[in-house]
């Protein structure tokens, strides 16, 4: 369970020094520091359940989501999340893993997000199409459909079978909101290659 420093201070308010008590609990592994003001009580909680609490608003996306959906072959060891209007990328490391956050355009942010529940934890993750759009937004700009095809299947090593299962309509709807070359060429590529 995620708990705040405020909750702990309230719980241990009768102690002479509640802050020292919290530090001892953390040192003994009875609670686990997430980020300033937040702790987790269960050391076995999966990191993806905690990413949104550590920094937000955010949802899991980019490499983490692409790997989870089987779109890229690599195992991903960081929990990568999308934010908006934060102006700079953030990185947090704690007992549960490495958490990376970066902005996407505000216009694109609210679309294509799923809310999942697991063991009482709620977390948000991009749909596969959204995760791909987010990832392409962060990559160096291409200048042709040929380049976007190379970026997809050579650079990112997107699985062509999984790519074929993506909902083209979703990509065409969301893609407009990024205002970047990579998405512009992805949409052209999809319009040309899908019936």
N, C-alpha and C. Protein backbone atom coordinates (compact mmCIF):
# COMPACT_ATOMS: atom_id res chain seq x y z
N UNK A 1 0.84 -1.19 0.00
CA UNK A 1 0.00 0.00 0.00
C UNK A 1 0.88 1.25 0.00
N UNK A 2 0.50 2.22 -0.81
CA UNK A 2 1.23 3.49 -0.83
C UNK A 2 0.74 4.34 0.34
N UNK A 3 1.70 4.85 1.12
CA UNK A 3 1.34 5.72 2.24
C UNK A 3 2.18 6.99 2.19
N UNK A 4 1.61 8.04 2.70
CA UNK A 4 2.32 9.33 2.68
C UNK A 4 3.03 9.56 4.01
N UNK A 5 4.02 10.42 3.98
CA UNK A 5 4.71 10.83 5.21
C UNK A 5 3.68 11.38 6.20
N UNK A 6 2.69 12.13 5.68
CA UNK A 6 1.66 12.72 6.54
C UNK A 6 0.89 11.64 7.30
N UNK A 7 0.55 10.56 6.59
CA UNK A 7 -0.17 9.44 7.23
C UNK A 7 0.68 8.81 8.31
N UNK A 8 1.98 8.65 8.03
CA UNK A 8 2.88 8.05 9.01
C UNK A 8 3.06 8.96 10.22
N UNK A 9 3.18 10.26 9.98
CA UNK A 9 3.32 11.21 11.09
C UNK A 9 2.09 11.16 11.99
N UNK A 10 0.94 11.01 11.36
CA UNK A 10 -0.31 10.91 12.12
C UNK A 10 -0.32 9.62 12.94
N UNK A 11 0.10 8.53 12.31
CA UNK A 11 0.10 7.22 12.98
C UNK A 11 1.05 7.20 14.18
N UNK A 12 2.20 7.87 14.03
CA UNK A 12 3.22 7.85 15.09
C UNK A 12 3.29 9.18 15.84
N UNK A 13 2.18 9.89 15.87
CA UNK A 13 2.19 11.23 16.49
C UNK A 13 2.52 11.19 17.99
N UNK A 14 2.28 10.05 18.66
CA UNK A 14 2.56 9.97 20.10
C UNK A 14 4.03 9.68 20.40
N UNK A 15 4.82 9.40 19.36
CA UNK A 15 6.26 9.17 19.56
C UNK A 15 6.95 10.51 19.82
N UNK A 16 8.04 10.46 20.59
CA UNK A 16 8.80 11.68 20.88
C UNK A 16 9.30 12.32 19.59
N UNK A 17 9.75 11.45 18.62
CA UNK A 17 10.23 11.97 17.34
C UNK A 17 9.69 11.10 16.21
N UNK A 18 8.50 11.43 15.70
CA UNK A 18 7.89 10.61 14.64
C UNK A 18 8.77 10.47 13.40
N UNK A 19 9.53 11.54 13.04
CA UNK A 19 10.40 11.47 11.86
C UNK A 19 11.49 10.40 12.04
N UNK A 20 12.03 10.29 13.25
CA UNK A 20 13.04 9.25 13.53
C UNK A 20 12.43 7.85 13.41
N UNK A 21 11.20 7.70 13.88
CA UNK A 21 10.48 6.42 13.78
C UNK A 21 10.32 6.03 12.31
N UNK A 22 9.92 6.99 11.47
CA UNK A 22 9.75 6.72 10.04
C UNK A 22 11.08 6.30 9.42
N UNK A 23 12.15 6.99 9.78
CA UNK A 23 13.48 6.65 9.26
C UNK A 23 13.87 5.23 9.68
N UNK A 24 13.61 4.86 10.94
CA UNK A 24 13.93 3.51 11.43
C UNK A 24 13.13 2.45 10.66
N UNK A 25 11.84 2.73 10.42
CA UNK A 25 11.01 1.78 9.66
C UNK A 25 11.58 1.57 8.26
N UNK A 26 12.02 2.66 7.65
CA UNK A 26 12.61 2.60 6.31
C UNK A 26 13.93 1.82 6.35
N UNK A 27 14.77 2.13 7.33
CA UNK A 27 16.08 1.45 7.46
C UNK A 27 15.91 -0.04 7.70
N UNK A 28 14.85 -0.42 8.41
CA UNK A 28 14.61 -1.85 8.72
C UNK A 28 13.88 -2.58 7.60
N UNK A 29 13.49 -1.86 6.55
CA UNK A 29 12.78 -2.50 5.45
C UNK A 29 11.33 -2.81 5.76
N UNK A 30 10.75 -2.04 6.67
CA UNK A 30 9.32 -2.22 6.97
C UNK A 30 8.46 -1.30 6.09
N UNK A 31 9.07 -0.22 5.62
CA UNK A 31 8.47 0.63 4.60
C UNK A 31 9.57 0.95 3.59
N UNK A 32 9.17 1.34 2.39
CA UNK A 32 10.15 1.56 1.32
C UNK A 32 9.91 2.93 0.68
N UNK A 33 10.96 3.74 0.67
CA UNK A 33 10.89 5.09 0.14
C UNK A 33 10.63 5.06 -1.37
N UNK A 34 9.63 5.82 -1.81
CA UNK A 34 9.34 5.95 -3.24
C UNK A 34 9.90 7.26 -3.78
N UNK A 35 9.43 8.34 -3.19
CA UNK A 35 9.85 9.69 -3.55
C UNK A 35 9.44 10.58 -2.39
N UNK A 36 9.86 11.80 -2.44
CA UNK A 36 9.58 12.70 -1.32
C UNK A 36 8.12 12.64 -0.90
N UNK A 37 7.90 12.28 0.36
CA UNK A 37 6.54 12.26 0.91
C UNK A 37 5.76 10.98 0.70
N UNK A 38 6.35 9.98 0.01
CA UNK A 38 5.63 8.73 -0.27
C UNK A 38 6.47 7.49 0.03
N UNK A 39 5.79 6.49 0.58
CA UNK A 39 6.41 5.19 0.87
C UNK A 39 5.48 4.09 0.41
N UNK A 40 6.04 2.91 0.24
CA UNK A 40 5.26 1.71 -0.08
C UNK A 40 5.50 0.71 1.05
N UNK A 41 4.45 -0.01 1.44
CA UNK A 41 4.58 -0.94 2.57
C UNK A 41 4.97 -2.36 2.13
N UNK A 42 4.74 -2.71 0.87
CA UNK A 42 5.02 -4.07 0.39
C UNK A 42 6.19 -4.05 -0.58
N UNK A 43 7.29 -4.69 -0.18
CA UNK A 43 8.51 -4.66 -1.02
C UNK A 43 8.33 -5.41 -2.33
N UNK A 44 7.29 -6.24 -2.44
CA UNK A 44 7.09 -7.03 -3.66
C UNK A 44 6.12 -6.39 -4.66
N UNK A 45 5.68 -5.18 -4.38
CA UNK A 45 4.76 -4.51 -5.31
C UNK A 45 5.48 -4.26 -6.63
N UNK A 46 4.87 -4.64 -7.78
CA UNK A 46 5.52 -4.38 -9.07
C UNK A 46 5.66 -2.87 -9.31
N UNK A 47 6.80 -2.48 -9.84
CA UNK A 47 7.08 -1.07 -10.09
C UNK A 47 6.05 -0.39 -10.96
N UNK A 48 5.50 -1.12 -11.93
CA UNK A 48 4.53 -0.47 -12.83
C UNK A 48 3.28 -0.01 -12.07
N UNK A 49 2.99 -0.64 -10.94
CA UNK A 49 1.84 -0.22 -10.13
C UNK A 49 2.11 1.10 -9.40
N UNK A 50 3.38 1.47 -9.30
CA UNK A 50 3.78 2.64 -8.50
C UNK A 50 4.16 3.85 -9.34
N UNK A 51 4.40 3.64 -10.65
CA UNK A 51 4.94 4.71 -11.50
C UNK A 51 4.10 5.98 -11.47
N UNK A 52 2.78 5.84 -11.52
CA UNK A 52 1.90 7.01 -11.54
C UNK A 52 1.90 7.79 -10.23
N UNK A 53 2.15 7.10 -9.11
CA UNK A 53 2.19 7.77 -7.81
C UNK A 53 3.50 8.52 -7.61
N UNK A 54 4.57 8.00 -8.17
CA UNK A 54 5.89 8.61 -7.98
C UNK A 54 5.96 9.98 -8.64
N UNK A 55 5.40 10.11 -9.82
CA UNK A 55 5.42 11.40 -10.53
C UNK A 55 4.22 11.44 -11.46
N UNK A 56 3.48 12.51 -11.41
CA UNK A 56 2.30 12.54 -12.25
C UNK A 56 1.73 13.94 -12.39
N UNK A 57 0.65 14.08 -13.18
CA UNK A 57 -0.01 12.95 -13.84
C UNK A 57 0.89 12.30 -14.90
N UNK A 58 0.80 10.99 -14.96
CA UNK A 58 1.61 10.24 -15.93
C UNK A 58 0.94 8.90 -16.21
N UNK A 59 1.35 8.28 -17.31
CA UNK A 59 0.91 6.92 -17.62
C UNK A 59 2.09 6.19 -18.24
N UNK A 60 2.15 4.89 -18.05
CA UNK A 60 3.23 4.07 -18.61
C UNK A 60 3.14 4.08 -20.14
N UNK A 61 4.29 4.25 -20.79
CA UNK A 61 4.29 4.32 -22.25
C UNK A 61 5.69 4.02 -22.76
N UNK A 62 6.00 4.50 -23.97
CA UNK A 62 7.33 4.37 -24.57
C UNK A 62 7.80 2.90 -24.55
N UNK A 63 9.07 2.69 -24.26
CA UNK A 63 9.68 1.36 -24.35
C UNK A 63 9.01 0.34 -23.42
N UNK A 64 8.67 0.77 -22.21
CA UNK A 64 8.07 -0.19 -21.27
C UNK A 64 6.79 -0.78 -21.86
N UNK A 65 5.90 0.09 -22.34
CA UNK A 65 4.62 -0.39 -22.89
C UNK A 65 4.84 -1.17 -24.19
N UNK A 66 5.74 -0.69 -25.07
CA UNK A 66 6.00 -1.41 -26.33
C UNK A 66 6.51 -2.82 -26.06
N UNK A 67 7.38 -2.96 -25.06
CA UNK A 67 7.91 -4.28 -24.69
C UNK A 67 6.79 -5.15 -24.10
N UNK A 68 6.01 -4.57 -23.24
CA UNK A 68 4.93 -5.33 -22.59
C UNK A 68 3.92 -5.86 -23.61
N UNK A 69 3.68 -5.07 -24.67
CA UNK A 69 2.75 -5.51 -25.72
C UNK A 69 3.41 -6.41 -26.76
N UNK A 70 4.69 -6.68 -26.64
CA UNK A 70 5.39 -7.54 -27.60
C UNK A 70 5.70 -6.86 -28.91
N UNK A 71 5.66 -5.53 -28.93
CA UNK A 71 5.96 -4.81 -30.18
C UNK A 71 7.46 -4.68 -30.42
N UNK A 72 8.25 -4.64 -29.35
CA UNK A 72 9.71 -4.63 -29.49
C UNK A 72 10.28 -5.85 -28.78
N UNK A 73 11.39 -6.39 -29.29
CA UNK A 73 11.92 -7.63 -28.73
C UNK A 73 12.68 -7.45 -27.41
N UNK A 74 13.19 -6.25 -27.16
CA UNK A 74 14.03 -6.05 -25.99
C UNK A 74 13.24 -6.10 -24.69
N UNK A 75 13.89 -6.67 -23.66
CA UNK A 75 13.35 -6.55 -22.31
C UNK A 75 13.68 -5.13 -21.85
N UNK A 76 12.76 -4.50 -21.17
CA UNK A 76 12.96 -3.13 -20.72
C UNK A 76 12.99 -3.13 -19.20
N UNK A 77 14.04 -2.55 -18.65
CA UNK A 77 14.24 -2.62 -17.20
C UNK A 77 13.85 -1.35 -16.47
N UNK A 78 13.45 -0.31 -17.19
CA UNK A 78 12.98 0.92 -16.55
C UNK A 78 11.49 1.05 -16.82
N UNK A 79 10.81 1.72 -15.92
CA UNK A 79 9.39 2.01 -16.09
C UNK A 79 9.29 3.40 -16.73
N UNK A 80 8.96 3.43 -18.02
CA UNK A 80 8.96 4.67 -18.79
C UNK A 80 7.54 5.22 -18.87
N UNK A 81 7.39 6.49 -18.54
CA UNK A 81 6.05 7.09 -18.49
C UNK A 81 6.01 8.43 -19.22
N UNK A 82 4.82 8.74 -19.72
CA UNK A 82 4.57 10.02 -20.40
C UNK A 82 3.93 11.01 -19.43
N UNK A 83 4.37 12.27 -19.54
CA UNK A 83 3.81 13.37 -18.76
C UNK A 83 3.49 14.50 -19.75
N UNK A 84 2.99 15.61 -19.26
CA UNK A 84 2.82 16.77 -20.13
C UNK A 84 3.06 18.04 -19.32
N UNK A 85 3.59 19.03 -20.03
CA UNK A 85 3.87 20.35 -19.46
C UNK A 85 4.76 20.31 -18.21
N UNK A 86 5.63 19.32 -18.12
CA UNK A 86 6.58 19.26 -17.00
C UNK A 86 7.89 19.95 -17.38
N UNK A 87 8.08 20.13 -18.66
CA UNK A 87 9.22 20.87 -19.24
C UNK A 87 10.56 20.13 -19.21
N UNK A 88 10.75 19.18 -18.29
CA UNK A 88 12.00 18.42 -18.37
C UNK A 88 11.80 16.98 -17.93
N UNK A 89 12.66 16.13 -18.45
CA UNK A 89 12.59 14.70 -18.13
C UNK A 89 12.97 14.49 -16.67
N UNK A 90 12.41 13.46 -16.07
CA UNK A 90 12.70 13.14 -14.68
C UNK A 90 13.11 11.68 -14.57
N UNK A 91 13.95 11.42 -13.56
CA UNK A 91 14.38 10.04 -13.29
C UNK A 91 14.36 9.83 -11.79
N UNK A 92 13.76 8.71 -11.38
CA UNK A 92 13.74 8.33 -9.97
C UNK A 92 14.24 6.90 -9.87
N UNK A 93 15.02 6.63 -8.84
CA UNK A 93 15.47 5.26 -8.59
C UNK A 93 15.17 4.93 -7.14
N UNK A 94 14.61 3.75 -6.93
CA UNK A 94 14.32 3.31 -5.56
C UNK A 94 14.31 1.78 -5.54
N UNK A 95 13.88 1.22 -4.45
CA UNK A 95 13.85 -0.24 -4.27
C UNK A 95 13.11 -0.94 -5.42
N UNK A 96 12.13 -0.27 -6.02
CA UNK A 96 11.25 -0.90 -7.00
C UNK A 96 11.75 -0.79 -8.44
N UNK A 97 12.79 0.00 -8.66
CA UNK A 97 13.34 0.10 -10.00
C UNK A 97 13.68 1.53 -10.40
N UNK A 98 13.88 1.70 -11.70
CA UNK A 98 14.19 3.00 -12.29
C UNK A 98 12.93 3.50 -13.00
N UNK A 99 12.58 4.73 -12.72
CA UNK A 99 11.36 5.33 -13.27
C UNK A 99 11.75 6.55 -14.08
N UNK A 100 11.39 6.56 -15.37
CA UNK A 100 11.73 7.66 -16.27
C UNK A 100 10.46 8.31 -16.77
N UNK A 101 10.47 9.64 -16.81
CA UNK A 101 9.30 10.41 -17.22
C UNK A 101 9.71 11.45 -18.24
N UNK A 102 8.90 11.58 -19.30
CA UNK A 102 9.16 12.66 -20.26
C UNK A 102 7.86 13.13 -20.89
N UNK A 103 7.89 14.39 -21.30
CA UNK A 103 6.70 15.03 -21.85
C UNK A 103 6.34 14.56 -23.25
N UNK A 104 5.05 14.57 -23.50
CA UNK A 104 4.51 14.51 -24.85
C UNK A 104 3.60 15.75 -24.98
N UNK A 105 3.14 16.10 -26.18
CA UNK A 105 2.29 17.29 -26.31
C UNK A 105 1.00 17.17 -25.50
N UNK A 106 0.59 18.26 -24.89
CA UNK A 106 -0.65 18.28 -24.09
C UNK A 106 -1.86 17.81 -24.89
N UNK A 107 -1.91 18.20 -26.18
CA UNK A 107 -3.05 17.81 -27.04
C UNK A 107 -3.17 16.30 -27.16
N UNK A 108 -2.03 15.61 -27.18
CA UNK A 108 -2.03 14.16 -27.37
C UNK A 108 -2.22 13.40 -26.06
N UNK A 109 -1.90 14.04 -24.96
CA UNK A 109 -1.83 13.32 -23.66
C UNK A 109 -3.08 12.52 -23.30
N UNK A 110 -4.29 13.08 -23.35
CA UNK A 110 -5.44 12.36 -22.78
C UNK A 110 -5.96 11.17 -23.57
N UNK A 111 -5.44 10.94 -24.77
CA UNK A 111 -6.01 9.88 -25.63
C UNK A 111 -5.26 8.56 -25.47
N UNK A 112 -6.00 7.46 -25.67
CA UNK A 112 -5.38 6.14 -25.76
C UNK A 112 -4.73 5.63 -24.48
N UNK A 113 -5.38 5.90 -23.35
CA UNK A 113 -4.85 5.44 -22.06
C UNK A 113 -5.82 4.45 -21.42
N UNK A 114 -5.29 3.34 -20.94
CA UNK A 114 -6.09 2.34 -20.24
C UNK A 114 -5.84 2.45 -18.74
N UNK A 115 -6.89 2.23 -17.95
CA UNK A 115 -6.71 2.17 -16.50
C UNK A 115 -6.81 0.70 -16.11
N UNK A 116 -5.78 0.21 -15.43
CA UNK A 116 -5.73 -1.20 -15.03
C UNK A 116 -5.74 -1.27 -13.51
N UNK A 117 -6.21 -2.41 -13.01
CA UNK A 117 -6.22 -2.64 -11.56
C UNK A 117 -5.54 -3.97 -11.28
N UNK A 118 -4.69 -3.97 -10.29
CA UNK A 118 -4.00 -5.21 -9.90
C UNK A 118 -3.75 -5.20 -8.40
N UNK A 119 -4.31 -6.16 -7.71
CA UNK A 119 -4.13 -6.30 -6.25
C UNK A 119 -4.41 -5.00 -5.50
N UNK A 120 -5.44 -4.28 -5.92
CA UNK A 120 -5.81 -3.06 -5.22
C UNK A 120 -5.07 -1.81 -5.68
N UNK A 121 -4.14 -1.97 -6.60
CA UNK A 121 -3.41 -0.83 -7.16
C UNK A 121 -4.02 -0.49 -8.51
N UNK A 122 -4.21 0.78 -8.77
CA UNK A 122 -4.67 1.23 -10.08
C UNK A 122 -3.50 1.91 -10.78
N UNK A 123 -3.31 1.60 -12.05
CA UNK A 123 -2.26 2.28 -12.81
C UNK A 123 -2.76 2.52 -14.22
N UNK A 124 -2.11 3.47 -14.91
CA UNK A 124 -2.49 3.82 -16.27
C UNK A 124 -1.38 3.43 -17.23
N UNK A 125 -1.78 2.89 -18.36
CA UNK A 125 -0.81 2.49 -19.39
C UNK A 125 -1.37 2.86 -20.76
N UNK A 126 -0.47 3.27 -21.64
CA UNK A 126 -0.88 3.61 -23.01
C UNK A 126 -1.37 2.35 -23.73
N UNK A 127 -2.36 2.52 -24.59
CA UNK A 127 -2.72 1.45 -25.52
C UNK A 127 -1.52 1.28 -26.46
N UNK A 128 -1.40 0.14 -27.14
CA UNK A 128 -0.21 -0.09 -28.00
C UNK A 128 0.00 1.02 -29.03
N UNK A 129 -1.09 1.48 -29.65
CA UNK A 129 -0.98 2.52 -30.68
C UNK A 129 -0.43 3.82 -30.08
N UNK A 130 -0.91 4.16 -28.90
CA UNK A 130 -0.47 5.39 -28.23
C UNK A 130 1.00 5.28 -27.82
N UNK A 131 1.39 4.12 -27.31
CA UNK A 131 2.79 3.92 -26.90
C UNK A 131 3.73 4.10 -28.09
N UNK A 132 3.31 3.60 -29.25
CA UNK A 132 4.12 3.76 -30.46
C UNK A 132 4.21 5.23 -30.85
N UNK A 133 3.09 5.92 -30.84
CA UNK A 133 3.09 7.35 -31.18
C UNK A 133 3.99 8.14 -30.21
N UNK A 134 3.86 7.84 -28.93
CA UNK A 134 4.69 8.52 -27.92
C UNK A 134 6.18 8.29 -28.21
N UNK A 135 6.52 7.04 -28.49
CA UNK A 135 7.93 6.69 -28.74
C UNK A 135 8.45 7.43 -29.98
N UNK A 136 7.69 7.40 -31.05
CA UNK A 136 8.14 8.06 -32.28
C UNK A 136 8.30 9.57 -32.08
N UNK A 137 7.45 10.15 -31.24
CA UNK A 137 7.54 11.57 -30.95
C UNK A 137 8.91 11.93 -30.34
N UNK A 138 9.49 11.01 -29.58
CA UNK A 138 10.75 11.30 -28.88
C UNK A 138 11.99 11.04 -29.73
N UNK A 139 11.81 10.49 -30.91
CA UNK A 139 12.96 10.09 -31.74
C UNK A 139 13.34 11.19 -32.73
N UNK A 140 14.59 11.14 -33.24
CA UNK A 140 15.02 12.16 -34.22
C UNK A 140 14.09 12.19 -35.43
N UNK A 141 13.79 13.37 -35.96
CA UNK A 141 12.81 13.46 -37.04
C UNK A 141 13.28 12.82 -38.36
N UNK A 142 12.34 12.17 -39.02
CA UNK A 142 12.61 11.58 -40.34
C UNK A 142 12.08 12.54 -41.40
N UNK A 143 12.45 12.24 -42.66
CA UNK A 143 12.02 13.14 -43.75
C UNK A 143 11.29 12.42 -44.87
N UNK A 144 10.95 11.13 -44.66
CA UNK A 144 10.22 10.41 -45.70
C UNK A 144 9.53 9.18 -45.13
N UNK A 145 8.62 8.61 -45.92
CA UNK A 145 7.96 7.37 -45.52
C UNK A 145 8.96 6.22 -45.45
N UNK A 146 9.94 6.25 -46.35
CA UNK A 146 10.98 5.22 -46.35
C UNK A 146 11.76 5.26 -45.02
N UNK A 147 12.04 6.49 -44.56
CA UNK A 147 12.76 6.65 -43.29
C UNK A 147 11.94 6.16 -42.10
N UNK A 148 10.62 6.42 -42.13
CA UNK A 148 9.80 5.99 -41.00
C UNK A 148 9.71 4.47 -40.97
N UNK A 149 9.67 3.87 -42.15
CA UNK A 149 9.63 2.40 -42.24
C UNK A 149 10.93 1.82 -41.65
N UNK A 150 12.05 2.44 -42.00
CA UNK A 150 13.35 2.01 -41.46
C UNK A 150 13.40 2.20 -39.94
N UNK A 151 12.88 3.34 -39.47
CA UNK A 151 12.87 3.60 -38.02
C UNK A 151 12.04 2.54 -37.29
N UNK A 152 10.89 2.21 -37.85
CA UNK A 152 10.00 1.23 -37.22
C UNK A 152 10.63 -0.17 -37.16
N UNK A 153 11.07 -0.64 -38.33
CA UNK A 153 11.41 -2.06 -38.42
C UNK A 153 12.90 -2.37 -38.29
N UNK A 154 13.77 -1.38 -38.50
CA UNK A 154 15.20 -1.59 -38.32
C UNK A 154 15.69 -1.01 -36.99
N UNK A 155 15.38 0.27 -36.76
CA UNK A 155 15.87 0.92 -35.54
C UNK A 155 15.16 0.43 -34.29
N UNK A 156 13.83 0.50 -34.30
CA UNK A 156 13.07 0.05 -33.13
C UNK A 156 12.85 -1.47 -33.11
N UNK A 157 13.03 -2.09 -34.27
CA UNK A 157 12.82 -3.54 -34.42
C UNK A 157 11.41 -3.95 -34.00
N UNK A 158 10.44 -3.14 -34.46
CA UNK A 158 9.03 -3.44 -34.20
C UNK A 158 8.67 -4.77 -34.86
N UNK A 159 7.97 -5.61 -34.14
CA UNK A 159 7.52 -6.90 -34.65
C UNK A 159 6.43 -6.64 -35.70
N UNK A 160 6.69 -7.09 -36.94
CA UNK A 160 5.77 -6.77 -38.05
C UNK A 160 4.39 -7.40 -37.87
N UNK A 161 4.34 -8.59 -37.27
CA UNK A 161 3.05 -9.26 -37.03
C UNK A 161 2.23 -8.46 -36.03
N UNK A 162 2.89 -8.02 -34.93
CA UNK A 162 2.19 -7.23 -33.92
C UNK A 162 1.80 -5.86 -34.48
N UNK A 163 2.68 -5.28 -35.30
CA UNK A 163 2.40 -3.98 -35.92
C UNK A 163 1.13 -4.07 -36.79
N UNK A 164 0.99 -5.18 -37.50
CA UNK A 164 -0.17 -5.37 -38.39
C UNK A 164 -1.48 -5.45 -37.60
N UNK A 165 -1.38 -5.80 -36.31
CA UNK A 165 -2.59 -5.91 -35.47
C UNK A 165 -3.03 -4.56 -34.89
N UNK A 166 -2.19 -3.53 -35.01
CA UNK A 166 -2.52 -2.23 -34.42
C UNK A 166 -3.74 -1.63 -35.11
N UNK A 167 -4.48 -0.85 -34.38
CA UNK A 167 -5.67 -0.18 -34.90
C UNK A 167 -5.23 1.10 -35.62
N UNK A 168 -5.21 1.04 -36.94
CA UNK A 168 -4.76 2.17 -37.77
C UNK A 168 -5.58 3.42 -37.49
N UNK A 169 -6.90 3.24 -37.33
CA UNK A 169 -7.78 4.38 -37.05
C UNK A 169 -7.36 5.14 -35.80
N UNK A 170 -6.97 4.39 -34.76
CA UNK A 170 -6.51 5.03 -33.51
C UNK A 170 -5.26 5.86 -33.75
N UNK A 171 -4.32 5.30 -34.52
CA UNK A 171 -3.07 6.01 -34.80
C UNK A 171 -3.36 7.28 -35.61
N UNK A 172 -4.23 7.16 -36.60
CA UNK A 172 -4.56 8.32 -37.44
C UNK A 172 -5.26 9.41 -36.63
N UNK A 173 -6.06 9.01 -35.65
CA UNK A 173 -6.77 9.98 -34.81
C UNK A 173 -5.79 10.67 -33.84
N UNK A 174 -4.94 9.87 -33.19
CA UNK A 174 -4.01 10.41 -32.19
C UNK A 174 -2.83 11.12 -32.85
N UNK A 175 -2.36 10.57 -33.96
CA UNK A 175 -1.14 11.06 -34.61
C UNK A 175 -1.16 12.54 -34.94
N UNK A 176 -2.33 13.02 -35.32
CA UNK A 176 -2.51 14.44 -35.67
C UNK A 176 -2.11 15.37 -34.53
N UNK A 177 -2.24 14.89 -33.30
CA UNK A 177 -2.10 15.75 -32.13
C UNK A 177 -0.64 15.98 -31.70
N UNK A 178 0.29 15.31 -32.35
CA UNK A 178 1.71 15.46 -31.96
C UNK A 178 2.42 16.58 -32.71
N UNK A 179 1.93 16.90 -33.90
CA UNK A 179 2.53 17.97 -34.71
C UNK A 179 4.03 17.73 -34.89
N UNK A 180 4.40 16.52 -35.31
CA UNK A 180 5.82 16.23 -35.56
C UNK A 180 5.96 15.36 -36.81
N UNK A 181 7.12 15.48 -37.43
CA UNK A 181 7.39 14.76 -38.69
C UNK A 181 7.20 13.26 -38.58
N UNK A 182 7.70 12.67 -37.50
CA UNK A 182 7.65 11.21 -37.40
C UNK A 182 6.21 10.70 -37.45
N UNK A 183 5.32 11.39 -36.78
CA UNK A 183 3.92 10.97 -36.80
C UNK A 183 3.26 11.29 -38.14
N UNK A 184 3.66 12.40 -38.72
CA UNK A 184 3.13 12.78 -40.04
C UNK A 184 3.47 11.68 -41.06
N UNK A 185 4.74 11.23 -41.04
CA UNK A 185 5.16 10.19 -42.00
C UNK A 185 4.60 8.81 -41.63
N UNK A 186 4.42 8.55 -40.34
CA UNK A 186 3.78 7.29 -39.96
C UNK A 186 2.35 7.24 -40.52
N UNK A 187 1.64 8.34 -40.38
CA UNK A 187 0.25 8.36 -40.88
C UNK A 187 0.22 8.19 -42.40
N UNK A 188 1.15 8.84 -43.11
CA UNK A 188 1.22 8.66 -44.57
C UNK A 188 1.53 7.20 -44.91
N UNK A 189 2.46 6.62 -44.19
CA UNK A 189 2.87 5.23 -44.40
C UNK A 189 1.65 4.30 -44.18
N UNK A 190 0.89 4.54 -43.12
CA UNK A 190 -0.27 3.71 -42.83
C UNK A 190 -1.37 3.87 -43.88
N UNK A 191 -1.61 5.11 -44.31
CA UNK A 191 -2.64 5.34 -45.33
C UNK A 191 -2.27 4.63 -46.63
N UNK A 192 -0.97 4.58 -46.94
CA UNK A 192 -0.53 3.96 -48.18
C UNK A 192 -0.59 2.44 -48.08
N UNK A 193 -0.32 1.90 -46.87
CA UNK A 193 -0.15 0.45 -46.74
C UNK A 193 -1.32 -0.30 -46.13
N UNK A 194 -2.39 0.42 -45.78
CA UNK A 194 -3.55 -0.29 -45.24
C UNK A 194 -4.76 0.01 -46.10
N UNK A 195 -5.56 -0.98 -46.22
CA UNK A 195 -6.77 -0.84 -47.06
C UNK A 195 -7.87 -0.16 -46.25
